[in-house]
Amino acid sequence: MKAIRVQNCGGPEVLKLEEVPQPQPGPGQALVKLQAIGVNFIDVYHRIGFYKLPLPFTPGMEGAGIVESVGSGVTEVQAGDRVAYAMAVGAYAEQAVLPSWQLVKLPASIDFSSAAAAMLQGMTAHYLTHSTYAIQSGDTILLHAAAGGAGLLIIQMAKQCGASVIGTVSTEEKARLAREAGADEVILYTQTDFETEVKKLTGGKGVQAVYDSVGKTTYQGSLNCLKPRGMMVLFGQSSGPVPPIDPGILAAKGSLFLTRPSLGHYSATREELLSRAGDVLGWIAKGELKLRVAKTFALSDAAEAHRQLEGRLTTGKVLLTP
């Protein structure tokens, strides 16, 4: 079968389509023929070696497809099931072998592209808004990269919870998308200092929580936007990692909370996985959560998908098709 392989870490050009041996499921595993593959920033971190994986490897943490066969002891799925998953490396391929407990059966009304667009970023939005900082009605939150795949879903879930959402974006087109998703205020950080604007919008009080996937260039300003005892949720670093942290700063700025969460720790059991995925897929099936698939690339064009994702040339979700 064909798969994208990374022999050495580096730029998008290291993503090479190669012929690899046909995988076979072992005990507790299932073989899935992939129909749609999600592209996420964590794939970039793996490719450049920021998050290290043993070389060579096939990147990709999210996909949807049909179970072809299962290994011994598998009870969660069977051949022919339509499934999706997140947080298992190896999705940039025609087929993947996965732990069966990580596979979620799809409702009949959810197609493969929607499933691949929903699993990682949808469950990320879910745990961020419902667990890491459980948004309460009346809260005001600040969200960076508001027009990205995760950002558009976070806006919608925050609004479901009754929050006011202030989003930051880089262009007018992205601002339009954030507003369509439900953002109450949108700041073009390329034109306006977001910290100054947030203080103005909140009457100097600040926000209850900041959801920051940008990192280096927004981190300090994000802390300054929090009200006392507010929560800084740093769930990515697309602009680079934040500098070393002096915990005393959190006290000086109002006894703030800082967390660096990961979906893997918020979907660590099958029960929690099914609960989160069930909510997300259920909301999509009912039309209560809208997905935006920005672009779909052939598997062989994975390098271009990465170039556009890193260049912030996309809004919403980026997919690959085998």
C-alpha atoms as a PDB file:
ATOM      1  CA  MET A   1       0.000   0.000   0.000  1.00  0.00           C
ATOM      2  CA  LYS A   2       1.006   3.649  -0.260  1.00  0.00           C
ATOM      3  CA  ALA A   3       1.819   5.869   2.711  1.00  0.00           C
ATOM      4  CA  ILE A   4       3.557   9.149   3.427  1.00  0.00           C
ATOM      5  CA  ARG A   5       6.891   8.517   5.126  1.00  0.00           C
ATOM      6  CA  VAL A   6       9.239  10.852   6.985  1.00  0.00           C
ATOM      7  CA  GLN A   7      12.825   9.586   6.831  1.00  0.00           C
ATOM      8  CA  ASN A   8      14.336  12.724   8.392  1.00  0.00           C
ATOM      9  CA  CYS A   9      12.698  15.654  10.153  1.00  0.00           C
ATOM     10  CA  GLY A  10      12.480  18.925   8.269  1.00  0.00           C
ATOM     11  CA  GLY A  11      10.262  21.031   6.029  1.00  0.00           C
ATOM     12  CA  PRO A  12       7.202  19.893   4.079  1.00  0.00           C
ATOM     13  CA  GLU A  13       9.461  18.422   1.400  1.00  0.00           C
ATOM     14  CA  VAL A  14      10.340  15.494   3.706  1.00  0.00           C
ATOM     15  CA  LEU A  15       6.785  14.141   3.295  1.00  0.00           C
ATOM     16  CA  LYS A  16       7.306  11.447   0.635  1.00  0.00           C
ATOM     17  CA  LEU A  17       4.736   9.022  -0.778  1.00  0.00           C
ATOM     18  CA  GLU A  18       6.206   5.521  -0.672  1.00  0.00           C
ATOM     19  CA  GLU A  19       5.154   1.919  -1.132  1.00  0.00           C
ATOM     20  CA  VAL A  20       5.137   0.128   2.251  1.00  0.00           C
ATOM     21  CA  PRO A  21       4.210  -3.402   3.378  1.00  0.00           C
ATOM     22  CA  GLN A  22       0.541  -4.228   3.911  1.00  0.00           C
ATOM     23  CA  PRO A  23      -0.169  -3.889   7.656  1.00  0.00           C
ATOM     24  CA  GLN A  24      -1.876  -6.657   9.608  1.00  0.00           C
ATOM     25  CA  PRO A  25      -3.816  -6.247  12.858  1.00  0.00           C
ATOM     26  CA  GLY A  26      -2.495  -7.933  15.976  1.00  0.00           C
ATOM     27  CA  PRO A  27      -4.348  -8.700  19.215  1.00  0.00           C
ATOM     28  CA  GLY A  28      -6.582  -5.801  20.239  1.00  0.00           C
ATOM     29  CA  GLN A  29      -6.095  -4.062  16.884  1.00  0.00           C
ATOM     30  CA  ALA A  30      -8.141  -3.340  13.768  1.00  0.00           C
ATOM     31  CA  LEU A  31      -7.137  -2.676  10.170  1.00  0.00           C
ATOM     32  CA  VAL A  32      -8.952   0.351   8.708  1.00  0.00           C
ATOM     33  CA  LYS A  33      -9.116   1.272   5.014  1.00  0.00           C
ATOM     34  CA  LEU A  34      -8.962   5.051   5.237  1.00  0.00           C
ATOM     35  CA  GLN A  35     -11.363   7.219   3.251  1.00  0.00           C
ATOM     36  CA  ALA A  36     -10.481  10.638   4.698  1.00  0.00           C
ATOM     37  CA  ILE A  37      -7.525  11.853   6.772  1.00  0.00           C
ATOM     38  CA  GLY A  38      -7.348  14.906   9.022  1.00  0.00           C
ATOM     39  CA  VAL A  39      -4.378  17.274   8.838  1.00  0.00           C
ATOM     40  CA  ASN A  40      -3.503  18.968  12.130  1.00  0.00           C
ATOM     41  CA  PHE A  41      -0.741  21.168  13.516  1.00  0.00           C
ATOM     42  CA  ILE A  42       0.484  18.293  15.663  1.00  0.00           C
ATOM     43  CA  ASP A  43       1.468  16.619  12.372  1.00  0.00           C
ATOM     44  CA  VAL A  44       3.724  19.596  11.661  1.00  0.00           C
ATOM     45  CA  TYR A  45       5.287  19.308  15.128  1.00  0.00           C
ATOM     46  CA  HIS A  46       6.016  15.625  14.428  1.00  0.00           C
ATOM     47  CA  ARG A  47       7.436  16.401  10.970  1.00  0.00           C
ATOM     48  CA  ILE A  48       9.863  19.063  12.208  1.00  0.00           C
ATOM     49  CA  GLY A  49      10.844  17.027  15.270  1.00  0.00           C
ATOM     50  CA  PHE A  50       9.399  19.387  17.874  1.00  0.00           C
ATOM     51  CA  TYR A  51       7.492  16.368  19.173  1.00  0.00           C
ATOM     52  CA  LYS A  52       9.885  13.520  18.451  1.00  0.00           C
ATOM     53  CA  LEU A  53       8.847  10.195  16.929  1.00  0.00           C
ATOM     54  CA  PRO A  54      11.164   7.301  16.034  1.00  0.00           C
ATOM     55  CA  LEU A  55      12.357   7.623  12.417  1.00  0.00           C
ATOM     56  CA  PRO A  56      11.140   6.743   9.874  1.00  0.00           C
ATOM     57  CA  PHE A  57       7.432   7.213  10.528  1.00  0.00           C
ATOM     58  CA  THR A  58       4.092   7.827   8.872  1.00  0.00           C
ATOM     59  CA  PRO A  59       2.531  11.028  10.244  1.00  0.00           C
ATOM     60  CA  GLY A  60      -1.128  11.789  10.855  1.00  0.00           C
ATOM     61  CA  MET A  61      -3.244  11.490  13.979  1.00  0.00           C
ATOM     62  CA  GLU A  62      -6.802  11.369  12.641  1.00  0.00           C
ATOM     63  CA  GLY A  63      -8.820   9.476  10.066  1.00  0.00           C
ATOM     64  CA  ALA A  64     -12.089   7.851   9.065  1.00  0.00           C
ATOM     65  CA  GLY A  65     -12.782   4.729   7.050  1.00  0.00           C
ATOM     66  CA  ILE A  66     -14.028   1.146   7.016  1.00  0.00           C
ATOM     67  CA  VAL A  67     -12.799  -1.687   9.227  1.00  0.00           C
ATOM     68  CA  GLU A  68     -11.314  -4.380   6.966  1.00  0.00           C
ATOM     69  CA  SER A  69     -10.284  -6.924   9.603  1.00  0.00           C
ATOM     70  CA  VAL A  70      -9.658  -7.254  13.323  1.00  0.00           C
ATOM     71  CA  GLY A  71      -7.157  -9.082  15.494  1.00  0.00           C
ATOM     72  CA  SER A  72      -7.869 -11.480  18.308  1.00  0.00           C
ATOM     73  CA  GLY A  73      -9.777 -10.254  21.342  1.00  0.00           C
ATOM     74  CA  VAL A  74     -11.397  -7.306  19.573  1.00  0.00           C
ATOM     75  CA  THR A  75     -14.966  -6.624  20.698  1.00  0.00           C
ATOM     76  CA  GLU A  76     -15.422  -2.913  19.994  1.00  0.00           C
ATOM     77  CA  VAL A  77     -15.695  -3.138  16.184  1.00  0.00           C
ATOM     78  CA  GLN A  78     -15.998  -5.684  13.380  1.00  0.00           C
ATOM     79  CA  ALA A  79     -15.229  -5.850   9.673  1.00  0.00           C
ATOM     80  CA  GLY A  80     -17.476  -3.523   7.688  1.00  0.00           C
ATOM     81  CA  ASP A  81     -17.989  -0.955  10.446  1.00  0.00           C
ATOM     82  CA  ARG A  82     -17.679   2.703   9.491  1.00  0.00           C
ATOM     83  CA  VAL A  83     -15.330   4.282  12.040  1.00  0.00           C
ATOM     84  CA  ALA A  84     -13.246   7.321  12.895  1.00  0.00           C
ATOM     85  CA  TYR A  85     -10.436   7.985  15.329  1.00  0.00           C
ATOM     86  CA  ALA A  86      -7.930  10.506  16.636  1.00  0.00           C
ATOM     87  CA  MET A  87      -4.642  10.466  18.563  1.00  0.00           C
ATOM     88  CA  ALA A  88      -3.036   7.437  16.896  1.00  0.00           C
ATOM     89  CA  VAL A  89       0.002   8.043  14.668  1.00  0.00           C
ATOM     90  CA  GLY A  90       0.044   6.738  11.085  1.00  0.00           C
ATOM     91  CA  ALA A  91      -3.002   8.201   9.332  1.00  0.00           C
ATOM     92  CA  TYR A  92      -1.265   9.512   6.177  1.00  0.00           C
ATOM     93  CA  ALA A  93      -1.760   6.186   4.420  1.00  0.00           C
ATOM     94  CA  GLU A  94      -4.231   4.076   2.472  1.00  0.00           C
ATOM     95  CA  GLN A  95      -4.663   1.770   5.470  1.00  0.00           C
ATOM     96  CA  ALA A  96      -3.810   1.920   9.166  1.00  0.00           C
ATOM     97  CA  VAL A  97      -3.664  -0.543  12.042  1.00  0.00           C
ATOM     98  CA  LEU A  98      -5.095   0.932  15.228  1.00  0.00           C
ATOM     99  CA  PRO A  99      -5.943  -0.034  18.800  1.00  0.00           C
ATOM    100  CA  SER A 100      -9.582  -1.077  18.512  1.00  0.00           C
ATOM    101  CA  TRP A 101     -10.572   0.799  21.681  1.00  0.00           C
ATOM    102  CA  GLN A 102      -9.760   4.089  19.948  1.00  0.00           C
ATOM    103  CA  LEU A 103     -12.220   3.516  17.101  1.00  0.00           C
ATOM    104  CA  VAL A 104     -15.607   5.232  17.232  1.00  0.00           C
ATOM    105  CA  LYS A 105     -18.486   3.917  15.118  1.00  0.00           C
ATOM    106  CA  LEU A 106     -20.048   6.588  12.929  1.00  0.00           C
ATOM    107  CA  PRO A 107     -23.728   7.491  12.849  1.00  0.00           C
ATOM    108  CA  ALA A 108     -25.265   6.735   9.445  1.00  0.00           C
ATOM    109  CA  SER A 109     -25.730  10.456   8.757  1.00  0.00           C
ATOM    110  CA  ILE A 110     -22.023  11.315   9.183  1.00  0.00           C
ATOM    111  CA  ASP A 111     -19.864  10.935   6.075  1.00  0.00           C
ATOM    112  CA  PHE A 112     -16.171  10.124   6.183  1.00  0.00           C
ATOM    113  CA  SER A 113     -14.990  13.650   5.396  1.00  0.00           C
ATOM    114  CA  SER A 114     -17.093  15.115   8.204  1.00  0.00           C
ATOM    115  CA  ALA A 115     -15.842  12.459  10.612  1.00  0.00           C
ATOM    116  CA  ALA A 116     -12.197  13.087   9.743  1.00  0.00           C
ATOM    117  CA  ALA A 117     -12.806  16.810  10.144  1.00  0.00           C
ATOM    118  CA  ALA A 118     -14.506  16.391  13.507  1.00  0.00           C
ATOM    119  CA  MET A 119     -12.612  13.902  15.629  1.00  0.00           C
ATOM    120  CA  LEU A 120      -9.380  15.579  16.720  1.00  0.00           C
ATOM    121  CA  GLN A 121     -10.402  19.230  16.585  1.00  0.00           C
ATOM    122  CA  GLY A 122     -13.979  18.532  17.665  1.00  0.00           C
ATOM    123  CA  MET A 123     -12.941  16.571  20.739  1.00  0.00           C
ATOM    124  CA  THR A 124     -10.244  19.169  21.427  1.00  0.00           C
ATOM    125  CA  ALA A 125     -12.872  21.913  21.405  1.00  0.00           C
ATOM    126  CA  HIS A 126     -15.042  19.743  23.634  1.00  0.00           C
ATOM    127  CA  TYR A 127     -12.488  19.084  26.352  1.00  0.00           C
ATOM    128  CA  LEU A 128     -11.228  22.678  26.297  1.00  0.00           C
ATOM    129  CA  THR A 129     -14.689  24.190  26.762  1.00  0.00           C
ATOM    130  CA  HIS A 130     -16.252  21.513  28.953  1.00  0.00           C
ATOM    131  CA  SER A 131     -13.373  20.196  31.089  1.00  0.00           C
ATOM    132  CA  THR A 132     -10.104  22.166  31.077  1.00  0.00           C
ATOM    133  CA  TYR A 133     -12.001  25.383  31.727  1.00  0.00           C
ATOM    134  CA  ALA A 134     -15.670  24.472  31.976  1.00  0.00           C
ATOM    135  CA  ILE A 135     -17.313  27.556  30.504  1.00  0.00           C
ATOM    136  CA  GLN A 136     -20.244  28.965  32.472  1.00  0.00           C
ATOM    137  CA  SER A 137     -23.105  31.051  31.176  1.00  0.00           C
ATOM    138  CA  GLY A 138     -22.128  34.715  31.350  1.00  0.00           C
ATOM    139  CA  ASP A 139     -18.378  34.115  30.946  1.00  0.00           C
ATOM    140  CA  THR A 140     -16.316  36.072  28.450  1.00  0.00           C
ATOM    141  CA  ILE A 141     -13.469  34.200  26.755  1.00  0.00           C
ATOM    142  CA  LEU A 142     -10.646  35.203  24.426  1.00  0.00           C
ATOM    143  CA  LEU A 143      -9.840  32.834  21.573  1.00  0.00           C
ATOM    144  CA  HIS A 144      -6.807  33.126  19.311  1.00  0.00           C
ATOM    145  CA  ALA A 145      -6.789  31.656  15.771  1.00  0.00           C
ATOM    146  CA  ALA A 146     -10.558  31.932  15.873  1.00  0.00           C
ATOM    147  CA  ALA A 147     -11.049  31.022  12.200  1.00  0.00           C
ATOM    148  CA  GLY A 148      -8.979  27.831  12.320  1.00  0.00           C
ATOM    149  CA  GLY A 149     -10.499  24.364  12.385  1.00  0.00           C
ATOM    150  CA  ALA A 150     -10.454  24.135  16.172  1.00  0.00           C
ATOM    151  CA  GLY A 151     -11.247  27.829  16.607  1.00  0.00           C
ATOM    152  CA  LEU A 152     -14.534  27.733  14.701  1.00  0.00           C
ATOM    153  CA  LEU A 153     -15.656  24.738  16.770  1.00  0.00           C
ATOM    154  CA  ILE A 154     -14.579  26.335  20.062  1.00  0.00           C
ATOM    155  CA  ILE A 155     -16.651  29.415  19.218  1.00  0.00           C
ATOM    156  CA  GLN A 156     -19.750  27.328  18.633  1.00  0.00           C
ATOM    157  CA  MET A 157     -19.324  25.264  21.806  1.00  0.00           C
ATOM    158  CA  ALA A 158     -18.594  28.363  23.903  1.00  0.00           C
ATOM    159  CA  LYS A 159     -21.801  29.940  22.607  1.00  0.00           C
ATOM    160  CA  GLN A 160     -23.707  26.748  23.461  1.00  0.00           C
ATOM    161  CA  CYS A 161     -22.406  27.192  27.016  1.00  0.00           C
ATOM    162  CA  GLY A 162     -23.666  30.784  27.145  1.00  0.00           C
ATOM    163  CA  ALA A 163     -20.350  32.652  26.870  1.00  0.00           C
ATOM    164  CA  SER A 164     -19.410  35.822  25.056  1.00  0.00           C
ATOM    165  CA  VAL A 165     -16.536  35.157  22.647  1.00  0.00           C
ATOM    166  CA  ILE A 166     -13.779  37.570  21.613  1.00  0.00           C
ATOM    167  CA  GLY A 167     -11.747  36.116  18.754  1.00  0.00           C
ATOM    168  CA  THR A 168      -8.491  37.191  17.139  1.00  0.00           C
ATOM    169  CA  VAL A 169      -7.738  36.641  13.435  1.00  0.00           C
ATOM    170  CA  SER A 170      -5.343  37.989  10.797  1.00  0.00           C
ATOM    171  CA  THR A 171      -7.652  38.959   7.904  1.00  0.00           C
ATOM    172  CA  GLU A 172     -11.099  40.358   7.187  1.00  0.00           C
ATOM    173  CA  GLU A 173     -12.144  37.075   5.566  1.00  0.00           C
ATOM    174  CA  LYS A 174     -11.199  35.152   8.702  1.00  0.00           C
ATOM    175  CA  ALA A 175     -13.058  37.728  10.793  1.00  0.00           C
ATOM    176  CA  ARG A 176     -16.184  37.090   8.719  1.00  0.00           C
ATOM    177  CA  LEU A 177     -15.936  33.352   9.306  1.00  0.00           C
ATOM    178  CA  ALA A 178     -15.461  33.815  13.065  1.00  0.00           C
ATOM    179  CA  ARG A 179     -18.521  36.061  13.247  1.00  0.00           C
ATOM    180  CA  GLU A 180     -20.572  33.572  11.236  1.00  0.00           C
ATOM    181  CA  ALA A 181     -19.601  30.893  13.754  1.00  0.00           C
ATOM    182  CA  GLY A 182     -20.955  33.108  16.554  1.00  0.00           C
ATOM    183  CA  ALA A 183     -18.066  35.251  17.816  1.00  0.00           C
ATOM    184  CA  ASP A 184     -19.377  38.388  19.525  1.00  0.00           C
ATOM    185  CA  GLU A 185     -16.273  40.489  18.835  1.00  0.00           C
ATOM    186  CA  VAL A 186     -13.417  39.855  16.421  1.00  0.00           C
ATOM    187  CA  ILE A 187     -10.028  41.588  16.623  1.00  0.00           C
ATOM    188  CA  LEU A 188      -7.705  41.785  13.623  1.00  0.00           C
ATOM    189  CA  TYR A 189      -4.410  41.448  15.454  1.00  0.00           C
ATOM    190  CA  THR A 190      -2.574  42.620  12.316  1.00  0.00           C
ATOM    191  CA  GLN A 191      -4.243  46.019  12.709  1.00  0.00           C
ATOM    192  CA  THR A 192      -5.024  46.349  16.419  1.00  0.00           C
ATOM    193  CA  ASP A 193      -3.225  45.398  19.625  1.00  0.00           C
ATOM    194  CA  PHE A 194      -5.437  42.616  20.941  1.00  0.00           C
ATOM    195  CA  GLU A 195      -4.553  43.222  24.597  1.00  0.00           C
ATOM    196  CA  THR A 196      -5.617  46.875  24.405  1.00  0.00           C
ATOM    197  CA  GLU A 197      -8.812  45.958  22.581  1.00  0.00           C
ATOM    198  CA  VAL A 198      -9.764  43.202  25.043  1.00  0.00           C
ATOM    199  CA  LYS A 199      -9.321  45.594  27.961  1.00  0.00           C
ATOM    200  CA  LYS A 200     -11.552  48.101  26.156  1.00  0.00           C
ATOM    201  CA  LEU A 201     -14.233  45.524  25.335  1.00  0.00           C
ATOM    202  CA  THR A 202     -14.366  44.232  28.919  1.00  0.00           C
ATOM    203  CA  GLY A 203     -14.256  47.629  30.616  1.00  0.00           C
ATOM    204  CA  GLY A 204     -10.801  46.846  31.970  1.00  0.00           C
ATOM    205  CA  LYS A 205     -11.983  43.703  33.778  1.00  0.00           C
ATOM    206  CA  GLY A 206     -10.464  41.080  31.479  1.00  0.00           C
ATOM    207  CA  VAL A 207     -11.776  37.641  30.571  1.00  0.00           C
ATOM    208  CA  GLN A 208     -12.383  34.451  32.533  1.00  0.00           C
ATOM    209  CA  ALA A 209     -10.321  32.304  30.157  1.00  0.00           C
ATOM    210  CA  VAL A 210      -7.979  32.569  27.190  1.00  0.00           C
ATOM    211  CA  TYR A 211      -7.727  29.702  24.687  1.00  0.00           C
ATOM    212  CA  ASP A 212      -4.338  30.131  23.026  1.00  0.00           C
ATOM    213  CA  SER A 213      -2.967  27.791  20.341  1.00  0.00           C
ATOM    214  CA  VAL A 214      -0.512  30.371  18.969  1.00  0.00           C
ATOM    215  CA  GLY A 215       2.005  30.457  21.814  1.00  0.00           C
ATOM    216  CA  LYS A 216       5.134  32.570  21.565  1.00  0.00           C
ATOM    217  CA  THR A 217       3.699  35.721  19.964  1.00  0.00           C
ATOM    218  CA  THR A 218       0.463  35.870  21.996  1.00  0.00           C
ATOM    219  CA  TYR A 219       1.352  34.335  25.364  1.00  0.00           C
ATOM    220  CA  GLN A 220       2.325  37.441  27.350  1.00  0.00           C
ATOM    221  CA  GLY A 221      -0.571  39.490  26.015  1.00  0.00           C
ATOM    222  CA  SER A 222      -2.941  36.632  26.748  1.00  0.00           C
ATOM    223  CA  LEU A 223      -1.915  36.575  30.407  1.00  0.00           C
ATOM    224  CA  ASN A 224      -2.538  40.317  30.579  1.00  0.00           C
ATOM    225  CA  CYS A 225      -6.086  39.841  29.268  1.00  0.00           C
ATOM    226  CA  LEU A 226      -7.152  37.621  32.176  1.00  0.00           C
ATOM    227  CA  LYS A 227      -9.134  38.822  35.134  1.00  0.00           C
ATOM    228  CA  PRO A 228      -7.949  37.737  38.615  1.00  0.00           C
ATOM    229  CA  ARG A 229      -8.102  33.947  39.035  1.00  0.00           C
ATOM    230  CA  GLY A 230      -8.570  33.567  35.290  1.00  0.00           C
ATOM    231  CA  MET A 231      -7.427  30.523  33.320  1.00  0.00           C
ATOM    232  CA  MET A 232      -4.766  30.574  30.624  1.00  0.00           C
ATOM    233  CA  VAL A 233      -5.312  27.512  28.409  1.00  0.00           C
ATOM    234  CA  LEU A 234      -2.244  27.082  26.211  1.00  0.00           C
ATOM    235  CA  PHE A 235      -3.080  24.232  23.835  1.00  0.00           C
ATOM    236  CA  GLY A 236      -0.632  24.855  20.988  1.00  0.00           C
ATOM    237  CA  GLN A 237       2.327  26.896  19.797  1.00  0.00           C
ATOM    238  CA  SER A 238       1.954  27.561  16.084  1.00  0.00           C
ATOM    239  CA  SER A 239       4.225  30.633  16.409  1.00  0.00           C
ATOM    240  CA  GLY A 240       6.771  28.782  18.538  1.00  0.00           C
ATOM    241  CA  PRO A 241       7.091  27.672  22.167  1.00  0.00           C
ATOM    242  CA  VAL A 242       6.610  30.150  24.993  1.00  0.00           C
ATOM    243  CA  PRO A 243       9.657  31.285  27.018  1.00  0.00           C
ATOM    244  CA  PRO A 244      10.498  29.776  30.415  1.00  0.00           C
ATOM    245  CA  ILE A 245       7.824  30.621  32.978  1.00  0.00           C
ATOM    246  CA  ASP A 246       8.313  32.222  36.395  1.00  0.00           C
ATOM    247  CA  PRO A 247       5.308  31.014  38.443  1.00  0.00           C
ATOM    248  CA  GLY A 248       5.504  34.231  40.457  1.00  0.00           C
ATOM    249  CA  ILE A 249       4.147  36.094  37.435  1.00  0.00           C
ATOM    250  CA  LEU A 250       0.859  34.227  37.837  1.00  0.00           C
ATOM    251  CA  ALA A 251       0.498  35.566  41.363  1.00  0.00           C
ATOM    252  CA  ALA A 252       1.476  39.103  40.383  1.00  0.00           C
ATOM    253  CA  LYS A 253      -1.127  39.175  37.612  1.00  0.00           C
ATOM    254  CA  GLY A 254      -3.993  38.049  39.842  1.00  0.00           C
ATOM    255  CA  SER A 255      -3.507  34.449  41.056  1.00  0.00           C
ATOM    256  CA  LEU A 256      -3.911  33.154  37.521  1.00  0.00           C
ATOM    257  CA  PHE A 257      -4.126  29.535  36.448  1.00  0.00           C
ATOM    258  CA  LEU A 258      -1.978  28.189  33.587  1.00  0.00           C
ATOM    259  CA  THR A 259      -2.419  24.798  31.934  1.00  0.00           C
ATOM    260  CA  ARG A 260      -0.946  23.060  28.888  1.00  0.00           C
ATOM    261  CA  PRO A 261      -3.502  20.326  28.126  1.00  0.00           C
ATOM    262  CA  SER A 262      -3.508  17.572  25.513  1.00  0.00           C
ATOM    263  CA  LEU A 263      -6.399  15.610  24.016  1.00  0.00           C
ATOM    264  CA  GLY A 264      -4.680  12.336  24.878  1.00  0.00           C
ATOM    265  CA  HIS A 265      -5.113  13.035  28.586  1.00  0.00           C
ATOM    266  CA  TYR A 266      -8.761  14.012  28.089  1.00  0.00           C
ATOM    267  CA  SER A 267      -9.687  10.892  26.100  1.00  0.00           C
ATOM    268  CA  ALA A 268      -7.572   8.399  28.011  1.00  0.00           C
ATOM    269  CA  THR A 269     -10.313   5.789  28.477  1.00  0.00           C
ATOM    270  CA  ARG A 270     -12.843   4.370  26.040  1.00  0.00           C
ATOM    271  CA  GLU A 271     -15.674   5.659  28.210  1.00  0.00           C
ATOM    272  CA  GLU A 272     -14.373   9.249  28.024  1.00  0.00           C
ATOM    273  CA  LEU A 273     -13.570   8.913  24.317  1.00  0.00           C
ATOM    274  CA  LEU A 274     -17.076   7.713  23.457  1.00  0.00           C
ATOM    275  CA  SER A 275     -18.658  10.416  25.601  1.00  0.00           C
ATOM    276  CA  ARG A 276     -16.753  13.257  23.905  1.00  0.00           C
ATOM    277  CA  ALA A 277     -16.998  11.823  20.385  1.00  0.00           C
ATOM    278  CA  GLY A 278     -20.680  11.041  20.956  1.00  0.00           C
ATOM    279  CA  ASP A 279     -21.401  14.660  21.860  1.00  0.00           C
ATOM    280  CA  VAL A 280     -19.460  16.050  18.902  1.00  0.00           C
ATOM    281  CA  LEU A 281     -20.840  13.653  16.275  1.00  0.00           C
ATOM    282  CA  GLY A 282     -24.321  13.954  17.732  1.00  0.00           C
ATOM    283  CA  TRP A 283     -24.278  17.755  17.505  1.00  0.00           C
ATOM    284  CA  ILE A 284     -23.084  17.529  13.889  1.00  0.00           C
ATOM    285  CA  ALA A 285     -25.815  15.016  13.012  1.00  0.00           C
ATOM    286  CA  LYS A 286     -28.448  17.349  14.501  1.00  0.00           C
ATOM    287  CA  GLY A 287     -27.058  20.392  12.734  1.00  0.00           C
ATOM    288  CA  GLU A 288     -26.114  22.019  16.052  1.00  0.00           C
ATOM    289  CA  LEU A 289     -22.400  22.075  15.212  1.00  0.00           C
ATOM    290  CA  LYS A 290     -21.209  23.236  11.803  1.00  0.00           C
ATOM    291  CA  LEU A 291     -17.999  21.980  10.224  1.00  0.00           C
ATOM    292  CA  ARG A 292     -15.960  23.918   7.699  1.00  0.00           C
ATOM    293  CA  VAL A 293     -13.707  21.831   5.482  1.00  0.00           C
ATOM    294  CA  ALA A 294     -11.318  24.366   3.998  1.00  0.00           C
ATOM    295  CA  LYS A 295      -9.388  22.272   1.501  1.00  0.00           C
ATOM    296  CA  THR A 296      -8.995  18.635   0.516  1.00  0.00           C
ATOM    297  CA  PHE A 297      -5.722  17.367  -0.960  1.00  0.00           C
ATOM    298  CA  ALA A 298      -4.702  14.040  -2.422  1.00  0.00           C
ATOM    299  CA  LEU A 299      -2.493  11.971  -0.128  1.00  0.00           C
ATOM    300  CA  SER A 300       0.384  12.548  -2.558  1.00  0.00           C
ATOM    301  CA  ASP A 301       0.021  16.309  -1.990  1.00  0.00           C
ATOM    302  CA  ALA A 302       0.536  16.130   1.786  1.00  0.00           C
ATOM    303  CA  ALA A 303       3.531  18.480   1.530  1.00  0.00           C
ATOM    304  CA  GLU A 304       1.401  21.213  -0.036  1.00  0.00           C
ATOM    305  CA  ALA A 305      -1.263  20.704   2.646  1.00  0.00           C
ATOM    306  CA  HIS A 306       1.429  21.344   5.271  1.00  0.00           C
ATOM    307  CA  ARG A 307       2.735  24.415   3.454  1.00  0.00           C
ATOM    308  CA  GLN A 308      -0.702  25.972   3.398  1.00  0.00           C
ATOM    309  CA  LEU A 309      -1.470  25.042   7.018  1.00  0.00           C
ATOM    310  CA  GLU A 310       1.833  26.480   8.265  1.00  0.00           C
ATOM    311  CA  GLY A 311       1.437  29.553   6.100  1.00  0.00           C
ATOM    312  CA  ARG A 312      -1.964  30.255   7.674  1.00  0.00           C
ATOM    313  CA  LEU A 313      -3.495  30.119   4.209  1.00  0.00           C
ATOM    314  CA  THR A 314      -6.399  27.935   5.337  1.00  0.00           C
ATOM    315  CA  THR A 315      -9.554  28.447   7.376  1.00  0.00           C
ATOM    316  CA  GLY A 316     -11.367  25.513   8.885  1.00  0.00           C
ATOM    317  CA  LYS A 317     -10.222  21.920   8.398  1.00  0.00           C
ATOM    318  CA  VAL A 318      -7.680  20.507   5.955  1.00  0.00           C
ATOM    319  CA  LEU A 319      -8.143  16.904   4.748  1.00  0.00           C
ATOM    320  CA  LEU A 320      -6.246  14.339   2.707  1.00  0.00           C
ATOM    321  CA  THR A 321      -7.854  11.588   0.613  1.00  0.00           C
ATOM    322  CA  PRO A 322      -5.986   8.346  -0.167  1.00  0.00           C
END
